[in-house]
């Protein structure tokens, strides 16, 4: 197993972490970005790793890390050499406890010293579904606290609404990744 992981580390010079709570659609987004096909993944119990070749010819490695509560404390072990964090939020999940968990996890990530000055792309996923939050609801629910505003000044943060089933959304994410990667060479 160590050798197979080494191929991802040595092949790519750009590492992206894909994080978020369980069930937000990280794995489906990863494989949609990779294959352009829709899949129905099993819950990620560890991690998935894929290498993408973007138009700018620089290979990127995306690490999709499981988001179950008992796995989140392990995220810190994947932070080394990360150049970008994609944080996925389920825009249909309006459970106050889950919203608070998501906010807390995002704030923890923004506070990690290893991620200082690292850009974050926040994806509000599943916006194609009727129960998805509106723009106003997203802003109200994920209103940034005073402390979080201070943290954000050291990060470039971009947020977009997306869905893993739309070709347009997938293209938008790929273009955004290209723009962020090229801007951070």
N, C-alpha and C. Protein backbone atom coordinates (compact mmCIF):
# COMPACT_ATOMS: atom_id res chain seq x y z
N UNK A 1 0.82 -1.20 0.00
CA UNK A 1 0.00 0.00 0.00
C UNK A 1 0.86 1.26 0.00
N UNK A 2 1.98 1.25 0.72
CA UNK A 2 2.87 2.40 0.76
C UNK A 2 3.39 2.79 -0.60
N UNK A 3 3.70 1.81 -1.45
CA UNK A 3 4.20 2.13 -2.78
C UNK A 3 3.13 2.78 -3.63
N UNK A 4 1.91 2.31 -3.53
CA UNK A 4 0.86 2.89 -4.35
C UNK A 4 0.58 4.33 -3.92
N UNK A 5 0.65 4.64 -2.63
CA UNK A 5 0.47 6.01 -2.19
C UNK A 5 1.63 6.88 -2.66
N UNK A 6 2.82 6.34 -2.68
CA UNK A 6 3.99 7.09 -3.11
C UNK A 6 3.85 7.58 -4.54
N UNK A 7 3.20 6.79 -5.40
CA UNK A 7 3.04 7.22 -6.79
C UNK A 7 2.22 8.50 -6.88
N UNK A 8 1.23 8.67 -5.99
CA UNK A 8 0.43 9.88 -6.01
C UNK A 8 1.24 11.06 -5.52
N UNK A 9 2.05 10.83 -4.52
CA UNK A 9 2.83 11.91 -3.93
C UNK A 9 3.91 12.38 -4.89
N UNK A 10 4.58 11.46 -5.56
CA UNK A 10 5.69 11.86 -6.42
C UNK A 10 5.23 12.31 -7.81
N UNK A 11 4.10 11.84 -8.28
CA UNK A 11 3.66 12.16 -9.64
C UNK A 11 3.14 13.59 -9.74
N UNK A 12 2.41 14.01 -8.75
CA UNK A 12 1.76 15.31 -8.80
C UNK A 12 2.51 16.31 -7.94
N UNK A 13 2.54 17.55 -8.41
CA UNK A 13 3.17 18.57 -7.59
C UNK A 13 2.14 19.54 -7.03
N UNK A 14 0.87 19.19 -7.11
CA UNK A 14 -0.18 20.05 -6.56
C UNK A 14 -1.19 19.18 -5.83
N UNK A 15 -1.34 19.40 -4.54
CA UNK A 15 -2.20 18.57 -3.70
C UNK A 15 -3.42 19.36 -3.24
N UNK A 16 -4.60 18.78 -3.47
CA UNK A 16 -5.86 19.35 -3.02
C UNK A 16 -6.50 18.39 -2.03
N UNK A 17 -6.95 18.92 -0.90
CA UNK A 17 -7.74 18.13 0.04
C UNK A 17 -9.21 18.45 -0.18
N UNK A 18 -10.03 17.41 -0.28
CA UNK A 18 -11.47 17.55 -0.40
C UNK A 18 -12.07 17.08 0.92
N UNK A 19 -12.61 18.03 1.69
CA UNK A 19 -13.09 17.74 3.03
C UNK A 19 -14.53 18.21 3.20
N UNK A 20 -15.18 17.69 4.22
CA UNK A 20 -16.55 18.06 4.55
C UNK A 20 -17.16 16.93 5.36
N UNK A 21 -18.32 17.18 5.94
CA UNK A 21 -19.00 16.15 6.72
C UNK A 21 -19.36 14.96 5.84
N UNK A 22 -19.73 13.86 6.46
CA UNK A 22 -20.16 12.68 5.73
C UNK A 22 -21.45 12.97 4.96
N UNK A 23 -21.57 12.37 3.78
CA UNK A 23 -22.80 12.47 3.00
C UNK A 23 -23.00 13.76 2.23
N UNK A 24 -21.97 14.61 2.14
CA UNK A 24 -22.14 15.89 1.44
C UNK A 24 -21.88 15.79 -0.06
N UNK A 25 -21.33 14.66 -0.52
CA UNK A 25 -21.12 14.45 -1.95
C UNK A 25 -19.68 14.61 -2.41
N UNK A 26 -18.73 14.51 -1.50
CA UNK A 26 -17.31 14.67 -1.87
C UNK A 26 -16.87 13.64 -2.90
N UNK A 27 -17.16 12.38 -2.64
CA UNK A 27 -16.70 11.31 -3.52
C UNK A 27 -17.38 11.40 -4.88
N UNK A 28 -18.65 11.69 -4.89
CA UNK A 28 -19.35 11.82 -6.17
C UNK A 28 -18.75 12.98 -6.97
N UNK A 29 -18.46 14.09 -6.31
CA UNK A 29 -17.82 15.22 -7.00
C UNK A 29 -16.44 14.85 -7.52
N UNK A 30 -15.65 14.15 -6.70
CA UNK A 30 -14.31 13.74 -7.12
C UNK A 30 -14.36 12.93 -8.41
N UNK A 31 -15.20 11.91 -8.43
CA UNK A 31 -15.24 11.04 -9.60
C UNK A 31 -15.94 11.69 -10.79
N UNK A 32 -16.80 12.64 -10.53
CA UNK A 32 -17.40 13.41 -11.63
C UNK A 32 -16.33 14.30 -12.26
N UNK A 33 -15.48 14.90 -11.43
CA UNK A 33 -14.37 15.71 -11.95
C UNK A 33 -13.40 14.84 -12.74
N UNK A 34 -13.13 13.64 -12.26
CA UNK A 34 -12.16 12.74 -12.88
C UNK A 34 -12.69 12.11 -14.16
N UNK A 35 -13.90 11.55 -14.11
CA UNK A 35 -14.41 10.75 -15.23
C UNK A 35 -15.47 11.45 -16.06
N UNK A 36 -15.99 12.55 -15.56
CA UNK A 36 -17.11 13.27 -16.19
C UNK A 36 -18.38 12.44 -16.20
N UNK A 37 -18.38 11.33 -15.46
CA UNK A 37 -19.56 10.46 -15.39
C UNK A 37 -20.12 10.49 -13.98
N UNK A 38 -21.43 10.30 -13.89
CA UNK A 38 -22.09 10.26 -12.59
C UNK A 38 -21.98 8.86 -12.02
N UNK A 39 -21.60 8.78 -10.76
CA UNK A 39 -21.52 7.49 -10.07
C UNK A 39 -22.32 7.58 -8.77
N UNK A 40 -22.63 6.43 -8.21
CA UNK A 40 -23.26 6.38 -6.89
C UNK A 40 -22.25 5.69 -5.98
N UNK A 41 -21.45 6.48 -5.25
CA UNK A 41 -20.37 5.90 -4.44
C UNK A 41 -20.87 5.33 -3.12
N UNK A 42 -20.07 4.46 -2.56
CA UNK A 42 -20.28 4.01 -1.18
C UNK A 42 -19.68 5.06 -0.26
N UNK A 43 -20.15 5.13 0.98
CA UNK A 43 -19.53 6.08 1.92
C UNK A 43 -18.02 5.82 2.04
N UNK A 44 -17.25 6.89 2.07
CA UNK A 44 -15.80 6.78 2.18
C UNK A 44 -15.43 6.51 3.63
N UNK A 45 -14.79 5.36 3.86
CA UNK A 45 -14.39 5.03 5.22
C UNK A 45 -12.95 5.44 5.51
N UNK A 46 -12.19 5.72 4.52
CA UNK A 46 -10.80 6.15 4.68
C UNK A 46 -10.58 7.36 3.79
N UNK A 47 -10.06 7.09 2.58
CA UNK A 47 -9.85 8.17 1.62
C UNK A 47 -9.86 7.61 0.21
N UNK A 48 -10.07 8.50 -0.75
CA UNK A 48 -9.94 8.20 -2.17
C UNK A 48 -8.93 9.20 -2.72
N UNK A 49 -8.10 8.77 -3.63
CA UNK A 49 -7.09 9.65 -4.22
C UNK A 49 -7.17 9.52 -5.74
N UNK A 50 -7.23 10.65 -6.42
CA UNK A 50 -7.25 10.66 -7.88
C UNK A 50 -6.34 11.77 -8.39
N UNK A 51 -5.72 11.51 -9.54
CA UNK A 51 -4.90 12.52 -10.20
C UNK A 51 -5.67 13.05 -11.39
N UNK A 52 -5.78 14.37 -11.48
CA UNK A 52 -6.44 15.02 -12.61
C UNK A 52 -5.40 15.76 -13.42
N UNK A 53 -5.59 15.76 -14.71
CA UNK A 53 -4.74 16.55 -15.60
C UNK A 53 -5.58 17.69 -16.12
N UNK A 54 -5.31 18.90 -15.67
CA UNK A 54 -6.07 20.05 -16.12
C UNK A 54 -5.45 20.62 -17.38
N UNK A 55 -6.13 21.58 -17.99
CA UNK A 55 -5.68 22.16 -19.26
C UNK A 55 -4.29 22.77 -19.16
N UNK A 56 -3.94 23.28 -18.01
CA UNK A 56 -2.64 23.94 -17.87
C UNK A 56 -1.49 22.93 -17.77
N UNK A 57 -1.81 21.65 -17.88
CA UNK A 57 -0.83 20.54 -17.96
C UNK A 57 -0.17 20.18 -16.64
N UNK A 58 -0.55 20.82 -15.59
CA UNK A 58 0.05 20.50 -14.29
C UNK A 58 -0.84 19.47 -13.59
N UNK A 59 -0.33 18.27 -13.33
CA UNK A 59 -1.17 17.27 -12.67
C UNK A 59 -1.48 17.68 -11.23
N UNK A 60 -2.70 17.39 -10.82
CA UNK A 60 -3.09 17.67 -9.44
C UNK A 60 -3.59 16.37 -8.82
N UNK A 61 -3.30 16.22 -7.55
CA UNK A 61 -3.79 15.07 -6.80
C UNK A 61 -4.86 15.56 -5.85
N UNK A 62 -6.04 14.94 -5.94
CA UNK A 62 -7.13 15.30 -5.05
C UNK A 62 -7.34 14.15 -4.07
N UNK A 63 -7.27 14.50 -2.80
CA UNK A 63 -7.49 13.54 -1.71
C UNK A 63 -8.88 13.80 -1.14
N UNK A 64 -9.77 12.84 -1.29
CA UNK A 64 -11.13 12.87 -0.74
C UNK A 64 -11.08 12.09 0.57
N UNK A 65 -11.19 12.80 1.68
CA UNK A 65 -11.05 12.17 3.00
C UNK A 65 -12.43 11.98 3.63
N UNK A 66 -12.66 10.80 4.20
CA UNK A 66 -13.95 10.50 4.83
C UNK A 66 -14.35 11.56 5.84
N UNK A 67 -15.66 11.83 5.90
CA UNK A 67 -16.15 12.90 6.77
C UNK A 67 -16.97 12.44 7.96
N UNK A 68 -16.97 11.13 8.23
CA UNK A 68 -17.69 10.66 9.41
C UNK A 68 -17.08 11.29 10.66
N UNK A 69 -17.91 11.47 11.67
CA UNK A 69 -17.45 12.18 12.88
C UNK A 69 -16.18 11.58 13.46
N UNK A 70 -16.08 10.25 13.52
CA UNK A 70 -14.91 9.61 14.11
C UNK A 70 -13.67 9.73 13.22
N UNK A 71 -13.84 10.12 11.95
CA UNK A 71 -12.70 10.27 11.03
C UNK A 71 -12.16 11.70 10.96
N UNK A 72 -12.95 12.66 11.39
CA UNK A 72 -12.56 14.07 11.20
C UNK A 72 -11.29 14.45 11.95
N UNK A 73 -11.04 13.82 13.09
CA UNK A 73 -9.80 14.13 13.81
C UNK A 73 -8.57 13.66 13.04
N UNK A 74 -8.75 12.79 12.06
CA UNK A 74 -7.63 12.31 11.25
C UNK A 74 -7.28 13.28 10.12
N UNK A 75 -8.15 14.24 9.82
CA UNK A 75 -7.88 15.18 8.74
C UNK A 75 -6.52 15.84 8.89
N UNK A 76 -6.13 16.14 10.11
CA UNK A 76 -4.88 16.85 10.37
C UNK A 76 -3.68 16.11 9.77
N UNK A 77 -3.77 14.79 9.67
CA UNK A 77 -2.66 13.99 9.14
C UNK A 77 -2.49 14.12 7.63
N UNK A 78 -3.43 14.74 6.96
CA UNK A 78 -3.37 14.90 5.50
C UNK A 78 -3.00 16.33 5.09
N UNK A 79 -2.78 17.21 6.03
CA UNK A 79 -2.58 18.62 5.73
C UNK A 79 -1.23 18.94 5.09
N UNK A 80 -0.22 18.17 5.38
CA UNK A 80 1.13 18.47 4.90
C UNK A 80 1.15 18.57 3.37
N UNK A 81 1.80 19.59 2.87
CA UNK A 81 1.99 19.84 1.44
C UNK A 81 0.69 20.12 0.68
N UNK A 82 -0.35 20.49 1.38
CA UNK A 82 -1.62 20.83 0.72
C UNK A 82 -1.52 22.24 0.16
N UNK A 83 -1.94 22.40 -1.10
CA UNK A 83 -1.93 23.72 -1.73
C UNK A 83 -3.32 24.33 -1.85
N UNK A 84 -4.37 23.52 -1.64
CA UNK A 84 -5.73 24.03 -1.74
C UNK A 84 -6.65 23.11 -0.96
N UNK A 85 -7.65 23.68 -0.30
CA UNK A 85 -8.67 22.89 0.39
C UNK A 85 -10.00 23.15 -0.28
N UNK A 86 -10.67 22.07 -0.68
CA UNK A 86 -12.05 22.15 -1.16
C UNK A 86 -12.92 21.66 -0.01
N UNK A 87 -13.75 22.55 0.53
CA UNK A 87 -14.62 22.17 1.64
C UNK A 87 -16.04 22.09 1.09
N UNK A 88 -16.65 20.92 1.21
CA UNK A 88 -17.96 20.66 0.62
C UNK A 88 -19.03 20.74 1.70
N UNK A 89 -20.11 21.43 1.39
CA UNK A 89 -21.26 21.57 2.29
C UNK A 89 -22.50 21.12 1.53
N UNK A 90 -23.34 20.31 2.17
CA UNK A 90 -24.59 19.84 1.57
C UNK A 90 -25.63 20.95 1.72
N UNK A 91 -26.02 21.57 0.62
CA UNK A 91 -26.97 22.69 0.68
C UNK A 91 -28.39 22.25 1.00
N UNK A 92 -28.63 20.93 1.04
CA UNK A 92 -29.97 20.45 1.40
C UNK A 92 -30.07 20.09 2.88
N UNK A 93 -28.95 20.04 3.57
CA UNK A 93 -28.94 19.62 4.98
C UNK A 93 -29.18 20.83 5.87
N UNK A 94 -30.41 20.96 6.36
CA UNK A 94 -30.77 22.11 7.17
C UNK A 94 -30.90 21.76 8.65
N UNK A 95 -30.33 20.61 9.03
CA UNK A 95 -30.32 20.19 10.43
C UNK A 95 -29.36 21.12 11.20
N UNK A 96 -29.87 21.86 12.19
CA UNK A 96 -29.03 22.82 12.91
C UNK A 96 -27.76 22.20 13.51
N UNK A 97 -27.84 20.96 13.99
CA UNK A 97 -26.66 20.31 14.57
C UNK A 97 -25.60 20.06 13.50
N UNK A 98 -26.02 19.60 12.33
CA UNK A 98 -25.06 19.34 11.24
C UNK A 98 -24.47 20.65 10.71
N UNK A 99 -25.30 21.67 10.63
CA UNK A 99 -24.80 22.98 10.18
C UNK A 99 -23.73 23.47 11.14
N UNK A 100 -23.98 23.34 12.43
CA UNK A 100 -23.00 23.76 13.44
C UNK A 100 -21.72 22.93 13.33
N UNK A 101 -21.87 21.62 13.13
CA UNK A 101 -20.69 20.76 12.96
C UNK A 101 -19.87 21.21 11.76
N UNK A 102 -20.54 21.51 10.66
CA UNK A 102 -19.84 21.93 9.45
C UNK A 102 -19.11 23.25 9.68
N UNK A 103 -19.78 24.19 10.33
CA UNK A 103 -19.13 25.46 10.65
C UNK A 103 -17.91 25.25 11.54
N UNK A 104 -18.06 24.40 12.55
CA UNK A 104 -16.95 24.13 13.47
C UNK A 104 -15.76 23.49 12.75
N UNK A 105 -16.03 22.53 11.89
CA UNK A 105 -14.94 21.86 11.16
C UNK A 105 -14.24 22.83 10.22
N UNK A 106 -15.00 23.67 9.54
CA UNK A 106 -14.40 24.66 8.65
C UNK A 106 -13.53 25.63 9.45
N UNK A 107 -14.03 26.07 10.58
CA UNK A 107 -13.25 26.99 11.42
C UNK A 107 -11.97 26.32 11.91
N UNK A 108 -12.05 25.05 12.30
CA UNK A 108 -10.84 24.32 12.72
C UNK A 108 -9.81 24.30 11.60
N UNK A 109 -10.27 23.99 10.39
CA UNK A 109 -9.35 23.93 9.25
C UNK A 109 -8.70 25.28 9.00
N UNK A 110 -9.48 26.33 9.07
CA UNK A 110 -8.94 27.67 8.85
C UNK A 110 -7.93 28.07 9.92
N UNK A 111 -8.00 27.44 11.07
CA UNK A 111 -7.08 27.75 12.17
C UNK A 111 -5.79 26.94 12.15
N UNK A 112 -5.74 25.87 11.36
CA UNK A 112 -4.53 25.04 11.34
C UNK A 112 -3.37 25.84 10.75
N UNK A 113 -2.27 25.84 11.49
CA UNK A 113 -1.08 26.57 11.04
C UNK A 113 -0.57 26.05 9.70
N UNK A 114 -0.69 24.72 9.47
CA UNK A 114 -0.22 24.13 8.22
C UNK A 114 -1.00 24.65 7.01
N UNK A 115 -2.19 25.21 7.25
CA UNK A 115 -3.02 25.70 6.14
C UNK A 115 -3.03 27.23 6.06
N UNK A 116 -2.16 27.88 6.82
CA UNK A 116 -2.08 29.34 6.76
C UNK A 116 -1.76 29.75 5.33
N UNK A 117 -2.46 30.74 4.83
CA UNK A 117 -2.27 31.28 3.48
C UNK A 117 -2.63 30.30 2.36
N UNK A 118 -3.29 29.21 2.68
CA UNK A 118 -3.72 28.24 1.67
C UNK A 118 -5.13 28.63 1.22
N UNK A 119 -5.39 28.67 -0.09
CA UNK A 119 -6.74 29.00 -0.55
C UNK A 119 -7.75 27.91 -0.22
N UNK A 120 -8.97 28.33 0.04
CA UNK A 120 -10.10 27.44 0.30
C UNK A 120 -11.15 27.69 -0.77
N UNK A 121 -11.70 26.62 -1.31
CA UNK A 121 -12.86 26.69 -2.20
C UNK A 121 -13.99 25.99 -1.45
N UNK A 122 -15.02 26.73 -1.13
CA UNK A 122 -16.17 26.17 -0.43
C UNK A 122 -17.25 25.90 -1.46
N UNK A 123 -17.64 24.64 -1.57
CA UNK A 123 -18.66 24.24 -2.54
C UNK A 123 -19.95 23.89 -1.81
N UNK A 124 -21.01 24.62 -2.10
CA UNK A 124 -22.33 24.28 -1.59
C UNK A 124 -22.94 23.33 -2.60
N UNK A 125 -22.94 22.05 -2.27
CA UNK A 125 -23.31 20.99 -3.20
C UNK A 125 -24.81 20.66 -3.14
N UNK A 126 -25.27 19.95 -4.14
CA UNK A 126 -26.65 19.45 -4.25
C UNK A 126 -27.66 20.57 -4.47
N UNK A 127 -27.23 21.63 -5.14
CA UNK A 127 -28.12 22.76 -5.37
C UNK A 127 -29.20 22.47 -6.40
N UNK A 128 -29.11 21.32 -7.06
CA UNK A 128 -30.12 20.93 -8.04
C UNK A 128 -31.39 20.40 -7.37
N UNK A 129 -31.31 20.07 -6.10
CA UNK A 129 -32.45 19.47 -5.40
C UNK A 129 -33.40 20.54 -4.88
N UNK A 130 -34.72 20.23 -4.89
CA UNK A 130 -35.71 21.24 -4.49
C UNK A 130 -35.54 21.75 -3.05
N UNK A 131 -35.02 20.91 -2.16
CA UNK A 131 -34.87 21.33 -0.77
C UNK A 131 -33.57 22.09 -0.51
N UNK A 132 -32.81 22.39 -1.56
CA UNK A 132 -31.55 23.13 -1.39
C UNK A 132 -31.83 24.53 -0.85
N UNK A 133 -30.94 25.00 -0.02
CA UNK A 133 -31.06 26.34 0.56
C UNK A 133 -30.91 27.40 -0.52
N UNK A 134 -31.60 28.50 -0.34
CA UNK A 134 -31.45 29.64 -1.25
C UNK A 134 -30.15 30.36 -0.90
N UNK A 135 -29.76 31.29 -1.76
CA UNK A 135 -28.55 32.08 -1.49
C UNK A 135 -28.67 32.80 -0.14
N UNK A 136 -29.84 33.37 0.14
CA UNK A 136 -30.05 34.09 1.40
C UNK A 136 -29.94 33.14 2.59
N UNK A 137 -30.54 31.95 2.48
CA UNK A 137 -30.45 30.97 3.58
C UNK A 137 -29.01 30.56 3.83
N UNK A 138 -28.26 30.34 2.76
CA UNK A 138 -26.85 29.97 2.90
C UNK A 138 -26.09 31.08 3.62
N UNK A 139 -26.31 32.32 3.20
CA UNK A 139 -25.63 33.45 3.84
C UNK A 139 -26.03 33.56 5.31
N UNK A 140 -27.32 33.41 5.60
CA UNK A 140 -27.79 33.52 6.99
C UNK A 140 -27.23 32.41 7.86
N UNK A 141 -27.29 31.18 7.36
CA UNK A 141 -26.86 30.03 8.15
C UNK A 141 -25.36 30.00 8.34
N UNK A 142 -24.63 30.33 7.29
CA UNK A 142 -23.17 30.29 7.38
C UNK A 142 -22.60 31.68 7.58
N UNK A 143 -23.34 32.50 8.33
CA UNK A 143 -22.86 33.84 8.64
C UNK A 143 -21.55 33.71 9.40
N UNK A 144 -20.60 34.49 9.00
CA UNK A 144 -19.26 34.37 9.56
C UNK A 144 -19.14 35.19 10.84
N UNK A 145 -18.65 34.53 11.88
CA UNK A 145 -18.47 35.21 13.17
C UNK A 145 -17.29 36.18 13.10
N UNK A 146 -17.19 37.05 14.09
CA UNK A 146 -16.09 38.02 14.17
C UNK A 146 -14.74 37.30 14.16
N UNK A 147 -14.61 36.24 14.96
CA UNK A 147 -13.35 35.50 15.03
C UNK A 147 -13.00 34.88 13.69
N UNK A 148 -13.99 34.32 13.03
CA UNK A 148 -13.75 33.67 11.74
C UNK A 148 -13.34 34.70 10.70
N UNK A 149 -13.90 35.91 10.77
CA UNK A 149 -13.52 36.97 9.82
C UNK A 149 -12.03 37.28 9.95
N UNK A 150 -11.51 37.27 11.17
CA UNK A 150 -10.09 37.54 11.37
C UNK A 150 -9.24 36.43 10.77
N UNK A 151 -9.70 35.20 10.89
CA UNK A 151 -8.96 34.06 10.32
C UNK A 151 -8.94 34.15 8.81
N UNK A 152 -10.07 34.52 8.24
CA UNK A 152 -10.22 34.51 6.79
C UNK A 152 -9.26 35.47 6.11
N UNK A 153 -8.84 36.50 6.78
CA UNK A 153 -7.94 37.46 6.15
C UNK A 153 -6.63 36.82 5.71
N UNK A 154 -6.26 35.68 6.31
CA UNK A 154 -5.02 35.02 5.90
C UNK A 154 -5.26 33.95 4.82
N UNK A 155 -6.50 33.82 4.37
CA UNK A 155 -6.85 32.82 3.36
C UNK A 155 -7.56 33.49 2.19
N UNK A 156 -7.36 32.94 1.02
CA UNK A 156 -8.17 33.31 -0.13
C UNK A 156 -9.33 32.32 -0.13
N UNK A 157 -10.56 32.80 0.00
CA UNK A 157 -11.70 31.90 0.08
C UNK A 157 -12.68 32.22 -1.04
N UNK A 158 -13.03 31.20 -1.79
CA UNK A 158 -14.02 31.31 -2.86
C UNK A 158 -15.15 30.36 -2.54
N UNK A 159 -16.38 30.79 -2.74
CA UNK A 159 -17.53 29.92 -2.47
C UNK A 159 -18.43 29.89 -3.70
N UNK A 160 -18.86 28.69 -4.07
CA UNK A 160 -19.78 28.56 -5.20
C UNK A 160 -20.82 27.49 -4.90
N UNK A 161 -21.97 27.64 -5.57
CA UNK A 161 -23.01 26.62 -5.49
C UNK A 161 -22.77 25.65 -6.64
N UNK A 162 -23.00 24.37 -6.37
CA UNK A 162 -22.70 23.37 -7.39
C UNK A 162 -23.60 22.14 -7.23
N UNK A 163 -23.49 21.26 -8.20
CA UNK A 163 -24.14 19.96 -8.15
C UNK A 163 -23.29 18.98 -8.95
N UNK A 164 -23.13 17.80 -8.42
CA UNK A 164 -22.29 16.79 -9.08
C UNK A 164 -22.93 16.23 -10.34
N UNK A 165 -24.22 16.46 -10.55
CA UNK A 165 -24.85 15.86 -11.73
C UNK A 165 -24.86 16.77 -12.95
N UNK A 166 -24.42 18.00 -12.80
CA UNK A 166 -24.45 18.95 -13.90
C UNK A 166 -23.07 19.10 -14.55
N UNK A 167 -23.04 18.92 -15.88
CA UNK A 167 -21.79 19.14 -16.61
C UNK A 167 -21.33 20.59 -16.45
N UNK A 168 -22.27 21.51 -16.43
CA UNK A 168 -21.94 22.93 -16.29
C UNK A 168 -21.23 23.18 -14.95
N UNK A 169 -21.75 22.59 -13.88
CA UNK A 169 -21.12 22.75 -12.56
C UNK A 169 -19.72 22.15 -12.52
N UNK A 170 -19.57 20.97 -13.12
CA UNK A 170 -18.26 20.31 -13.15
C UNK A 170 -17.25 21.18 -13.90
N UNK A 171 -17.67 21.72 -15.05
CA UNK A 171 -16.78 22.60 -15.82
C UNK A 171 -16.43 23.86 -15.01
N UNK A 172 -17.41 24.39 -14.29
CA UNK A 172 -17.18 25.57 -13.46
C UNK A 172 -16.14 25.28 -12.38
N UNK A 173 -16.25 24.12 -11.74
CA UNK A 173 -15.28 23.75 -10.70
C UNK A 173 -13.89 23.59 -11.31
N UNK A 174 -13.79 22.92 -12.44
CA UNK A 174 -12.49 22.72 -13.09
C UNK A 174 -11.86 24.05 -13.47
N UNK A 175 -12.65 24.97 -14.01
CA UNK A 175 -12.13 26.30 -14.36
C UNK A 175 -11.66 27.05 -13.11
N UNK A 176 -12.43 26.93 -12.05
CA UNK A 176 -12.06 27.58 -10.80
C UNK A 176 -10.75 27.01 -10.26
N UNK A 177 -10.62 25.68 -10.29
CA UNK A 177 -9.37 25.05 -9.84
C UNK A 177 -8.20 25.54 -10.67
N UNK A 178 -8.38 25.58 -11.99
CA UNK A 178 -7.31 26.08 -12.88
C UNK A 178 -6.90 27.49 -12.47
N UNK A 179 -7.90 28.35 -12.28
CA UNK A 179 -7.62 29.74 -11.94
C UNK A 179 -6.87 29.86 -10.62
N UNK A 180 -7.31 29.11 -9.62
CA UNK A 180 -6.65 29.17 -8.31
C UNK A 180 -5.24 28.59 -8.39
N UNK A 181 -5.09 27.46 -9.07
CA UNK A 181 -3.78 26.81 -9.18
C UNK A 181 -2.79 27.70 -9.93
N UNK A 182 -3.21 28.24 -11.05
CA UNK A 182 -2.31 29.10 -11.84
C UNK A 182 -1.95 30.35 -11.04
N UNK A 183 -2.89 30.87 -10.27
CA UNK A 183 -2.64 32.05 -9.45
C UNK A 183 -1.73 31.79 -8.27
N UNK A 184 -1.54 30.52 -7.91
CA UNK A 184 -0.73 30.19 -6.73
C UNK A 184 0.56 29.46 -7.08
N UNK A 185 1.05 29.61 -8.27
CA UNK A 185 2.31 28.95 -8.65
C UNK A 185 3.46 29.51 -7.86
